[in-house]
Amino acid sequence: MAALLHNRWVIFVFRIVLGIVFVYASFDKIRDPAAFAGNIQNYQFLPYGLTNLMAIFLPWVELYVGACLILGVFVDGAAILSAGMVVMFIVAIGQAVGRGLDIDCGCFKQSGSTVGLDLLARDVVWLAMSILVWRREEKTMELFPKSRVDEAGQQD
């Protein structure tokens, strides 16, 4: 895993792939928040009052995070947000699988994949990619990369 942190092109590909995934996932949800709210409600996980708020807010966060990852802007924050969202997705899908719910995941298209262990595995891979992008050593093709201050007070 440490070798991946030093391979800037692997990290760059991970960043672009994650960005495309989040941008693509946001489109149908932004276009039809009511259908996405129904998908969220099917998980029987959130209180009903939060479902509509999540259906409106989450797709725009996905779009923003994906765009930042693709464009190389605010990559550290976007990677942290992507990891947080993927953890949230893992928890939601995991509890649905554990409870035996046979529901559409609501991940991309409104009629897509049914929740299952394959979706959990996919999300674990995306979580690993998000963490690797966040913990990367080199900033490749990024605008406004965050500089690090070492222990002696010297900036990168």
N, C-alpha and C. Protein backbone atom coordinates (compact mmCIF):
# COMPACT_ATOMS: atom_id res chain seq x y z
N MET A 1 0.82 -1.19 0.00
CA MET A 1 0.00 0.00 0.00
C MET A 1 0.86 1.26 0.00
N ALA A 2 2.00 1.19 0.70
CA ALA A 2 2.89 2.34 0.73
C ALA A 2 3.42 2.65 -0.66
N ALA A 3 3.63 1.60 -1.46
CA ALA A 3 4.12 1.82 -2.82
C ALA A 3 3.09 2.58 -3.66
N LEU A 4 1.81 2.33 -3.42
CA LEU A 4 0.77 3.05 -4.16
C LEU A 4 0.77 4.53 -3.83
N LEU A 5 1.07 4.87 -2.59
CA LEU A 5 1.09 6.28 -2.20
C LEU A 5 2.16 7.06 -2.94
N HIS A 6 3.22 6.38 -3.38
CA HIS A 6 4.32 7.05 -4.07
C HIS A 6 4.15 7.04 -5.58
N ASN A 7 3.23 6.25 -6.12
CA ASN A 7 3.02 6.20 -7.55
C ASN A 7 1.98 7.25 -7.93
N ARG A 8 2.47 8.38 -8.37
CA ARG A 8 1.57 9.52 -8.62
C ARG A 8 0.58 9.24 -9.74
N TRP A 9 0.92 8.39 -10.69
CA TRP A 9 -0.01 8.15 -11.80
C TRP A 9 -1.14 7.21 -11.39
N VAL A 10 -0.86 6.26 -10.51
CA VAL A 10 -1.93 5.41 -9.98
C VAL A 10 -2.90 6.27 -9.17
N ILE A 11 -2.36 7.12 -8.32
CA ILE A 11 -3.20 8.01 -7.51
C ILE A 11 -3.99 8.95 -8.42
N PHE A 12 -3.36 9.46 -9.47
CA PHE A 12 -4.06 10.33 -10.41
C PHE A 12 -5.23 9.60 -11.06
N VAL A 13 -5.01 8.35 -11.50
CA VAL A 13 -6.09 7.55 -12.10
C VAL A 13 -7.20 7.31 -11.08
N PHE A 14 -6.83 6.97 -9.83
CA PHE A 14 -7.84 6.78 -8.78
C PHE A 14 -8.67 8.05 -8.61
N ARG A 15 -8.00 9.19 -8.60
CA ARG A 15 -8.69 10.48 -8.42
C ARG A 15 -9.69 10.72 -9.55
N ILE A 16 -9.28 10.48 -10.78
CA ILE A 16 -10.17 10.69 -11.93
C ILE A 16 -11.33 9.70 -11.91
N VAL A 17 -11.05 8.43 -11.63
CA VAL A 17 -12.11 7.42 -11.59
C VAL A 17 -13.14 7.77 -10.52
N LEU A 18 -12.67 8.10 -9.32
CA LEU A 18 -13.60 8.49 -8.26
C LEU A 18 -14.41 9.72 -8.66
N GLY A 19 -13.76 10.68 -9.28
CA GLY A 19 -14.46 11.88 -9.72
C GLY A 19 -15.56 11.56 -10.71
N ILE A 20 -15.26 10.72 -11.67
CA ILE A 20 -16.27 10.32 -12.66
C ILE A 20 -17.42 9.58 -11.99
N VAL A 21 -17.10 8.69 -11.07
CA VAL A 21 -18.14 7.93 -10.36
C VAL A 21 -19.08 8.89 -9.63
N PHE A 22 -18.53 9.86 -8.89
CA PHE A 22 -19.39 10.76 -8.13
C PHE A 22 -20.18 11.70 -9.03
N VAL A 23 -19.57 12.20 -10.09
CA VAL A 23 -20.31 13.08 -11.01
C VAL A 23 -21.44 12.29 -11.67
N TYR A 24 -21.13 11.11 -12.18
CA TYR A 24 -22.14 10.29 -12.83
C TYR A 24 -23.27 9.92 -11.87
N ALA A 25 -22.91 9.59 -10.64
CA ALA A 25 -23.92 9.20 -9.65
C ALA A 25 -24.85 10.36 -9.33
N SER A 26 -24.39 11.57 -9.45
CA SER A 26 -25.21 12.73 -9.07
C SER A 26 -26.29 13.10 -10.09
N PHE A 27 -26.08 12.79 -11.37
CA PHE A 27 -26.96 13.30 -12.42
C PHE A 27 -28.43 12.95 -12.24
N ASP A 28 -28.76 11.65 -12.17
CA ASP A 28 -30.17 11.25 -12.04
C ASP A 28 -30.77 11.72 -10.72
N LYS A 29 -29.96 11.76 -9.69
CA LYS A 29 -30.46 12.18 -8.37
C LYS A 29 -30.80 13.67 -8.38
N ILE A 30 -29.99 14.46 -9.06
CA ILE A 30 -30.28 15.90 -9.17
C ILE A 30 -31.52 16.11 -10.03
N ARG A 31 -31.64 15.34 -11.11
CA ARG A 31 -32.76 15.50 -12.04
C ARG A 31 -34.09 15.07 -11.41
N ASP A 32 -34.06 14.05 -10.54
CA ASP A 32 -35.30 13.54 -9.95
C ASP A 32 -35.11 13.26 -8.46
N PRO A 33 -35.09 14.34 -7.64
CA PRO A 33 -34.87 14.14 -6.20
C PRO A 33 -35.99 13.36 -5.53
N ALA A 34 -37.19 13.41 -6.07
CA ALA A 34 -38.30 12.67 -5.45
C ALA A 34 -38.07 11.16 -5.55
N ALA A 35 -37.61 10.70 -6.71
CA ALA A 35 -37.32 9.27 -6.87
C ALA A 35 -36.15 8.86 -5.97
N PHE A 36 -35.15 9.74 -5.87
CA PHE A 36 -34.02 9.43 -5.00
C PHE A 36 -34.46 9.39 -3.54
N ALA A 37 -35.37 10.27 -3.15
CA ALA A 37 -35.90 10.25 -1.79
C ALA A 37 -36.59 8.92 -1.51
N GLY A 38 -37.29 8.40 -2.51
CA GLY A 38 -37.91 7.08 -2.36
C GLY A 38 -36.89 5.98 -2.17
N ASN A 39 -35.78 6.07 -2.92
CA ASN A 39 -34.70 5.08 -2.75
C ASN A 39 -34.11 5.16 -1.35
N ILE A 40 -33.90 6.37 -0.87
CA ILE A 40 -33.35 6.54 0.48
C ILE A 40 -34.31 5.96 1.52
N GLN A 41 -35.59 6.24 1.34
CA GLN A 41 -36.60 5.76 2.30
C GLN A 41 -36.68 4.24 2.32
N ASN A 42 -36.40 3.60 1.18
CA ASN A 42 -36.43 2.14 1.12
C ASN A 42 -35.43 1.48 2.06
N TYR A 43 -34.36 2.19 2.38
CA TYR A 43 -33.36 1.64 3.31
C TYR A 43 -33.88 1.56 4.74
N GLN A 44 -34.94 2.29 5.04
CA GLN A 44 -35.53 2.32 6.38
C GLN A 44 -34.45 2.60 7.42
N PHE A 45 -33.63 3.59 7.12
CA PHE A 45 -32.46 3.90 7.94
C PHE A 45 -32.54 5.29 8.54
N LEU A 46 -33.02 6.25 7.76
CA LEU A 46 -33.11 7.63 8.23
C LEU A 46 -34.53 7.95 8.67
N PRO A 47 -34.66 8.85 9.62
CA PRO A 47 -36.00 9.33 9.95
C PRO A 47 -36.63 9.99 8.71
N TYR A 48 -37.92 9.84 8.57
CA TYR A 48 -38.61 10.32 7.37
C TYR A 48 -38.32 11.80 7.09
N GLY A 49 -38.22 12.61 8.13
CA GLY A 49 -37.98 14.04 7.94
C GLY A 49 -36.63 14.36 7.31
N LEU A 50 -35.65 13.49 7.47
CA LEU A 50 -34.33 13.74 6.89
C LEU A 50 -34.19 13.22 5.46
N THR A 51 -35.11 12.39 5.04
CA THR A 51 -35.01 11.77 3.71
C THR A 51 -35.00 12.82 2.61
N ASN A 52 -35.95 13.74 2.63
CA ASN A 52 -36.02 14.76 1.57
C ASN A 52 -34.80 15.67 1.59
N LEU A 53 -34.36 16.05 2.79
CA LEU A 53 -33.17 16.88 2.90
C LEU A 53 -31.96 16.17 2.31
N MET A 54 -31.80 14.91 2.63
CA MET A 54 -30.68 14.13 2.09
C MET A 54 -30.80 13.98 0.57
N ALA A 55 -32.02 13.79 0.07
CA ALA A 55 -32.23 13.61 -1.37
C ALA A 55 -31.89 14.88 -2.15
N ILE A 56 -32.04 16.02 -1.53
CA ILE A 56 -31.70 17.27 -2.19
C ILE A 56 -30.23 17.62 -2.02
N PHE A 57 -29.69 17.41 -0.85
CA PHE A 57 -28.34 17.84 -0.51
C PHE A 57 -27.25 16.90 -1.05
N LEU A 58 -27.40 15.60 -0.86
CA LEU A 58 -26.35 14.63 -1.19
C LEU A 58 -25.92 14.65 -2.66
N PRO A 59 -26.84 14.69 -3.63
CA PRO A 59 -26.39 14.68 -5.02
C PRO A 59 -25.52 15.89 -5.39
N TRP A 60 -25.80 17.03 -4.80
CA TRP A 60 -24.99 18.21 -5.08
C TRP A 60 -23.61 18.10 -4.45
N VAL A 61 -23.53 17.47 -3.30
CA VAL A 61 -22.22 17.21 -2.68
C VAL A 61 -21.44 16.22 -3.56
N GLU A 62 -22.12 15.18 -4.05
CA GLU A 62 -21.47 14.23 -4.95
C GLU A 62 -20.93 14.92 -6.20
N LEU A 63 -21.73 15.81 -6.77
CA LEU A 63 -21.29 16.54 -7.97
C LEU A 63 -20.08 17.41 -7.66
N TYR A 64 -20.13 18.13 -6.56
CA TYR A 64 -19.03 19.01 -6.16
C TYR A 64 -17.75 18.20 -5.90
N VAL A 65 -17.86 17.13 -5.14
CA VAL A 65 -16.69 16.29 -4.83
C VAL A 65 -16.11 15.70 -6.12
N GLY A 66 -16.97 15.18 -6.96
CA GLY A 66 -16.50 14.61 -8.22
C GLY A 66 -15.81 15.63 -9.10
N ALA A 67 -16.38 16.81 -9.21
CA ALA A 67 -15.77 17.87 -10.02
C ALA A 67 -14.42 18.28 -9.44
N CYS A 68 -14.33 18.40 -8.14
CA CYS A 68 -13.05 18.76 -7.51
C CYS A 68 -11.99 17.71 -7.77
N LEU A 69 -12.37 16.44 -7.68
CA LEU A 69 -11.40 15.37 -7.92
C LEU A 69 -10.94 15.37 -9.38
N ILE A 70 -11.85 15.56 -10.30
CA ILE A 70 -11.49 15.57 -11.73
C ILE A 70 -10.62 16.78 -12.06
N LEU A 71 -11.01 17.95 -11.57
CA LEU A 71 -10.30 19.18 -11.90
C LEU A 71 -9.02 19.37 -11.10
N GLY A 72 -8.86 18.61 -10.03
CA GLY A 72 -7.66 18.73 -9.21
C GLY A 72 -7.69 19.95 -8.31
N VAL A 73 -8.88 20.35 -7.88
CA VAL A 73 -9.05 21.50 -7.01
C VAL A 73 -9.54 21.01 -5.65
N PHE A 74 -8.90 21.48 -4.58
CA PHE A 74 -9.30 21.09 -3.22
C PHE A 74 -9.36 19.57 -3.07
N VAL A 75 -8.36 18.90 -3.57
CA VAL A 75 -8.35 17.43 -3.62
C VAL A 75 -8.37 16.81 -2.23
N ASP A 76 -7.64 17.40 -1.29
CA ASP A 76 -7.64 16.83 0.07
C ASP A 76 -9.05 16.81 0.65
N GLY A 77 -9.74 17.92 0.58
CA GLY A 77 -11.11 17.99 1.11
C GLY A 77 -12.06 17.09 0.35
N ALA A 78 -11.92 17.06 -0.97
CA ALA A 78 -12.79 16.20 -1.78
C ALA A 78 -12.55 14.73 -1.46
N ALA A 79 -11.29 14.35 -1.25
CA ALA A 79 -10.99 12.96 -0.92
C ALA A 79 -11.56 12.58 0.44
N ILE A 80 -11.47 13.49 1.41
CA ILE A 80 -12.04 13.23 2.73
C ILE A 80 -13.55 13.10 2.64
N LEU A 81 -14.19 14.02 1.90
CA LEU A 81 -15.64 13.93 1.72
C LEU A 81 -16.05 12.66 0.99
N SER A 82 -15.28 12.28 -0.03
CA SER A 82 -15.63 11.05 -0.76
C SER A 82 -15.50 9.84 0.16
N ALA A 83 -14.46 9.79 0.97
CA ALA A 83 -14.32 8.68 1.92
C ALA A 83 -15.48 8.67 2.91
N GLY A 84 -15.86 9.84 3.41
CA GLY A 84 -16.99 9.91 4.34
C GLY A 84 -18.29 9.45 3.72
N MET A 85 -18.54 9.87 2.48
CA MET A 85 -19.76 9.43 1.80
C MET A 85 -19.75 7.93 1.55
N VAL A 86 -18.60 7.40 1.14
CA VAL A 86 -18.52 5.96 0.89
C VAL A 86 -18.73 5.17 2.18
N VAL A 87 -18.20 5.65 3.29
CA VAL A 87 -18.45 4.98 4.58
C VAL A 87 -19.95 5.00 4.88
N MET A 88 -20.58 6.14 4.63
CA MET A 88 -22.03 6.24 4.83
C MET A 88 -22.77 5.24 3.94
N PHE A 89 -22.33 5.10 2.68
CA PHE A 89 -22.97 4.15 1.77
C PHE A 89 -22.75 2.71 2.26
N ILE A 90 -21.54 2.42 2.75
CA ILE A 90 -21.23 1.07 3.25
C ILE A 90 -22.13 0.73 4.44
N VAL A 91 -22.31 1.68 5.34
CA VAL A 91 -23.17 1.46 6.50
C VAL A 91 -24.62 1.23 6.05
N ALA A 92 -25.10 2.07 5.13
CA ALA A 92 -26.49 1.94 4.67
C ALA A 92 -26.71 0.61 3.95
N ILE A 93 -25.82 0.27 3.05
CA ILE A 93 -25.97 -0.99 2.31
C ILE A 93 -25.78 -2.18 3.24
N GLY A 94 -24.81 -2.08 4.14
CA GLY A 94 -24.57 -3.18 5.08
C GLY A 94 -25.76 -3.47 5.96
N GLN A 95 -26.41 -2.41 6.47
CA GLN A 95 -27.58 -2.66 7.32
C GLN A 95 -28.74 -3.20 6.51
N ALA A 96 -28.86 -2.79 5.24
CA ALA A 96 -29.94 -3.31 4.39
C ALA A 96 -29.70 -4.79 4.09
N VAL A 97 -28.45 -5.15 3.79
CA VAL A 97 -28.12 -6.55 3.53
C VAL A 97 -28.34 -7.37 4.79
N GLY A 98 -27.89 -6.85 5.92
CA GLY A 98 -28.05 -7.56 7.19
C GLY A 98 -29.49 -7.78 7.57
N ARG A 99 -30.35 -6.86 7.19
CA ARG A 99 -31.78 -6.99 7.50
C ARG A 99 -32.55 -7.73 6.43
N GLY A 100 -31.85 -8.11 5.35
CA GLY A 100 -32.50 -8.88 4.28
C GLY A 100 -33.41 -8.05 3.39
N LEU A 101 -33.18 -6.75 3.30
CA LEU A 101 -33.99 -5.91 2.44
C LEU A 101 -33.64 -6.16 0.98
N ASP A 102 -34.64 -6.35 0.15
CA ASP A 102 -34.44 -6.55 -1.29
C ASP A 102 -34.84 -5.26 -1.99
N ILE A 103 -33.90 -4.30 -2.03
CA ILE A 103 -34.20 -2.97 -2.54
C ILE A 103 -33.15 -2.56 -3.57
N ASP A 104 -33.53 -1.60 -4.39
CA ASP A 104 -32.61 -0.99 -5.33
C ASP A 104 -31.66 -0.09 -4.56
N CYS A 105 -30.39 -0.10 -4.92
CA CYS A 105 -29.42 0.68 -4.14
C CYS A 105 -29.60 2.18 -4.31
N GLY A 106 -30.10 2.64 -5.45
CA GLY A 106 -30.24 4.08 -5.67
C GLY A 106 -28.90 4.76 -5.94
N CYS A 107 -27.91 3.97 -6.30
CA CYS A 107 -26.55 4.50 -6.46
C CYS A 107 -26.40 5.36 -7.71
N PHE A 108 -26.88 4.88 -8.82
CA PHE A 108 -26.70 5.60 -10.08
C PHE A 108 -28.05 5.85 -10.73
N LYS A 109 -28.47 4.98 -11.60
CA LYS A 109 -29.78 5.12 -12.22
C LYS A 109 -30.86 4.76 -11.21
N GLN A 110 -32.06 5.27 -11.44
CA GLN A 110 -33.14 5.01 -10.48
C GLN A 110 -33.51 3.53 -10.43
N SER A 111 -33.33 2.82 -11.52
CA SER A 111 -33.55 1.36 -11.47
C SER A 111 -32.22 0.71 -11.80
N GLY A 112 -31.46 0.42 -10.77
CA GLY A 112 -30.11 -0.09 -10.97
C GLY A 112 -29.90 -1.39 -10.27
N SER A 113 -28.90 -1.44 -9.44
CA SER A 113 -28.49 -2.66 -8.77
C SER A 113 -29.25 -2.86 -7.46
N THR A 114 -29.47 -4.12 -7.13
CA THR A 114 -30.05 -4.47 -5.86
C THR A 114 -28.93 -4.54 -4.83
N VAL A 115 -29.22 -4.10 -3.60
CA VAL A 115 -28.19 -4.12 -2.56
C VAL A 115 -27.73 -5.56 -2.33
N GLY A 116 -26.44 -5.70 -2.09
CA GLY A 116 -25.88 -7.02 -1.85
C GLY A 116 -24.40 -6.91 -1.52
N LEU A 117 -23.80 -8.05 -1.32
CA LEU A 117 -22.39 -8.09 -0.96
C LEU A 117 -21.49 -7.55 -2.07
N ASP A 118 -21.92 -7.68 -3.34
CA ASP A 118 -21.12 -7.15 -4.44
C ASP A 118 -21.03 -5.62 -4.35
N LEU A 119 -22.12 -4.97 -3.96
CA LEU A 119 -22.07 -3.52 -3.79
C LEU A 119 -21.20 -3.12 -2.61
N LEU A 120 -21.25 -3.90 -1.56
CA LEU A 120 -20.37 -3.63 -0.42
C LEU A 120 -18.91 -3.74 -0.83
N ALA A 121 -18.58 -4.76 -1.59
CA ALA A 121 -17.20 -4.94 -2.05
C ALA A 121 -16.77 -3.78 -2.93
N ARG A 122 -17.63 -3.36 -3.83
CA ARG A 122 -17.33 -2.23 -4.70
C ARG A 122 -17.07 -0.97 -3.88
N ASP A 123 -17.90 -0.73 -2.88
CA ASP A 123 -17.74 0.46 -2.06
C ASP A 123 -16.47 0.40 -1.20
N VAL A 124 -16.08 -0.79 -0.77
CA VAL A 124 -14.83 -0.93 -0.02
C VAL A 124 -13.65 -0.57 -0.92
N VAL A 125 -13.70 -0.96 -2.18
CA VAL A 125 -12.65 -0.59 -3.13
C VAL A 125 -12.62 0.93 -3.30
N TRP A 126 -13.79 1.54 -3.44
CA TRP A 126 -13.83 3.01 -3.59
C TRP A 126 -13.35 3.70 -2.32
N LEU A 127 -13.62 3.12 -1.17
CA LEU A 127 -13.12 3.69 0.08
C LEU A 127 -11.59 3.64 0.11
N ALA A 128 -11.03 2.51 -0.28
CA ALA A 128 -9.57 2.39 -0.33
C ALA A 128 -8.98 3.42 -1.31
N MET A 129 -9.61 3.59 -2.45
CA MET A 129 -9.13 4.57 -3.42
C MET A 129 -9.20 5.98 -2.85
N SER A 130 -10.28 6.31 -2.16
CA SER A 130 -10.43 7.64 -1.56
C SER A 130 -9.35 7.89 -0.51
N ILE A 131 -9.07 6.89 0.30
CA ILE A 131 -8.05 7.04 1.34
C ILE A 131 -6.67 7.20 0.71
N LEU A 132 -6.40 6.44 -0.34
CA LEU A 132 -5.10 6.57 -1.02
C LEU A 132 -4.94 7.95 -1.66
N VAL A 133 -6.01 8.47 -2.24
CA VAL A 133 -5.93 9.82 -2.82
C VAL A 133 -5.69 10.84 -1.71
N TRP A 134 -6.37 10.68 -0.61
CA TRP A 134 -6.22 11.62 0.51
C TRP A 134 -4.81 11.57 1.09
N ARG A 135 -4.24 10.38 1.22
CA ARG A 135 -2.93 10.20 1.85
C ARG A 135 -1.76 10.24 0.85
N ARG A 136 -2.01 10.64 -0.38
CA ARG A 136 -0.99 10.63 -1.43
C ARG A 136 0.23 11.46 -1.02
N GLU A 137 1.36 11.09 -1.58
CA GLU A 137 2.61 11.78 -1.29
C GLU A 137 2.82 12.94 -2.25
N GLU A 138 2.53 12.74 -3.53
CA GLU A 138 2.80 13.75 -4.54
C GLU A 138 1.49 14.30 -5.08
N LYS A 139 1.52 15.57 -5.39
CA LYS A 139 0.36 16.24 -5.98
C LYS A 139 0.59 16.31 -7.49
N THR A 140 -0.17 15.54 -8.25
CA THR A 140 -0.02 15.51 -9.69
C THR A 140 -1.22 16.15 -10.35
N MET A 141 -0.94 17.14 -11.18
CA MET A 141 -1.98 17.85 -11.94
C MET A 141 -3.07 18.38 -11.02
N GLU A 142 -2.67 19.13 -10.02
CA GLU A 142 -3.61 19.73 -9.07
C GLU A 142 -3.45 21.23 -9.08
N LEU A 143 -4.56 21.92 -8.92
CA LEU A 143 -4.55 23.35 -8.72
C LEU A 143 -4.69 23.60 -7.22
N PHE A 144 -3.95 24.52 -6.71
CA PHE A 144 -4.00 24.88 -5.29
C PHE A 144 -3.73 23.69 -4.38
N PRO A 145 -2.65 22.92 -4.62
CA PRO A 145 -2.39 21.81 -3.70
C PRO A 145 -2.03 22.34 -2.32
N LYS A 146 -2.46 21.61 -1.33
CA LYS A 146 -2.16 21.98 0.05
C LYS A 146 -0.70 21.66 0.31
N SER A 147 0.05 22.64 0.82
CA SER A 147 1.44 22.36 1.14
C SER A 147 1.52 21.84 2.56
N ARG A 148 2.54 21.05 2.82
CA ARG A 148 2.73 20.49 4.15
C ARG A 148 3.92 21.15 4.79
N VAL A 149 3.82 21.39 6.06
CA VAL A 149 4.94 21.95 6.81
C VAL A 149 5.58 20.80 7.56
N ASP A 150 6.89 20.60 7.32
CA ASP A 150 7.55 19.51 8.03
C ASP A 150 7.90 19.93 9.46
N GLU A 151 8.50 19.02 10.20
CA GLU A 151 8.77 19.27 11.61
C GLU A 151 9.73 20.42 11.84
N ALA A 152 10.61 20.72 10.88
CA ALA A 152 11.57 21.80 11.03
C ALA A 152 10.97 23.14 10.61
N GLY A 153 9.72 23.13 10.19
CA GLY A 153 9.06 24.37 9.80
C GLY A 153 9.26 24.73 8.33
N GLN A 154 9.85 23.85 7.55
CA GLN A 154 10.08 24.08 6.14
C GLN A 154 8.85 23.62 5.35
N GLN A 155 8.44 24.44 4.39
CA GLN A 155 7.31 24.07 3.55
C GLN A 155 7.81 23.27 2.36
N ASP A 156 6.90 22.40 1.83
CA ASP A 156 7.20 21.65 0.61
C ASP A 156 7.43 22.59 -0.54
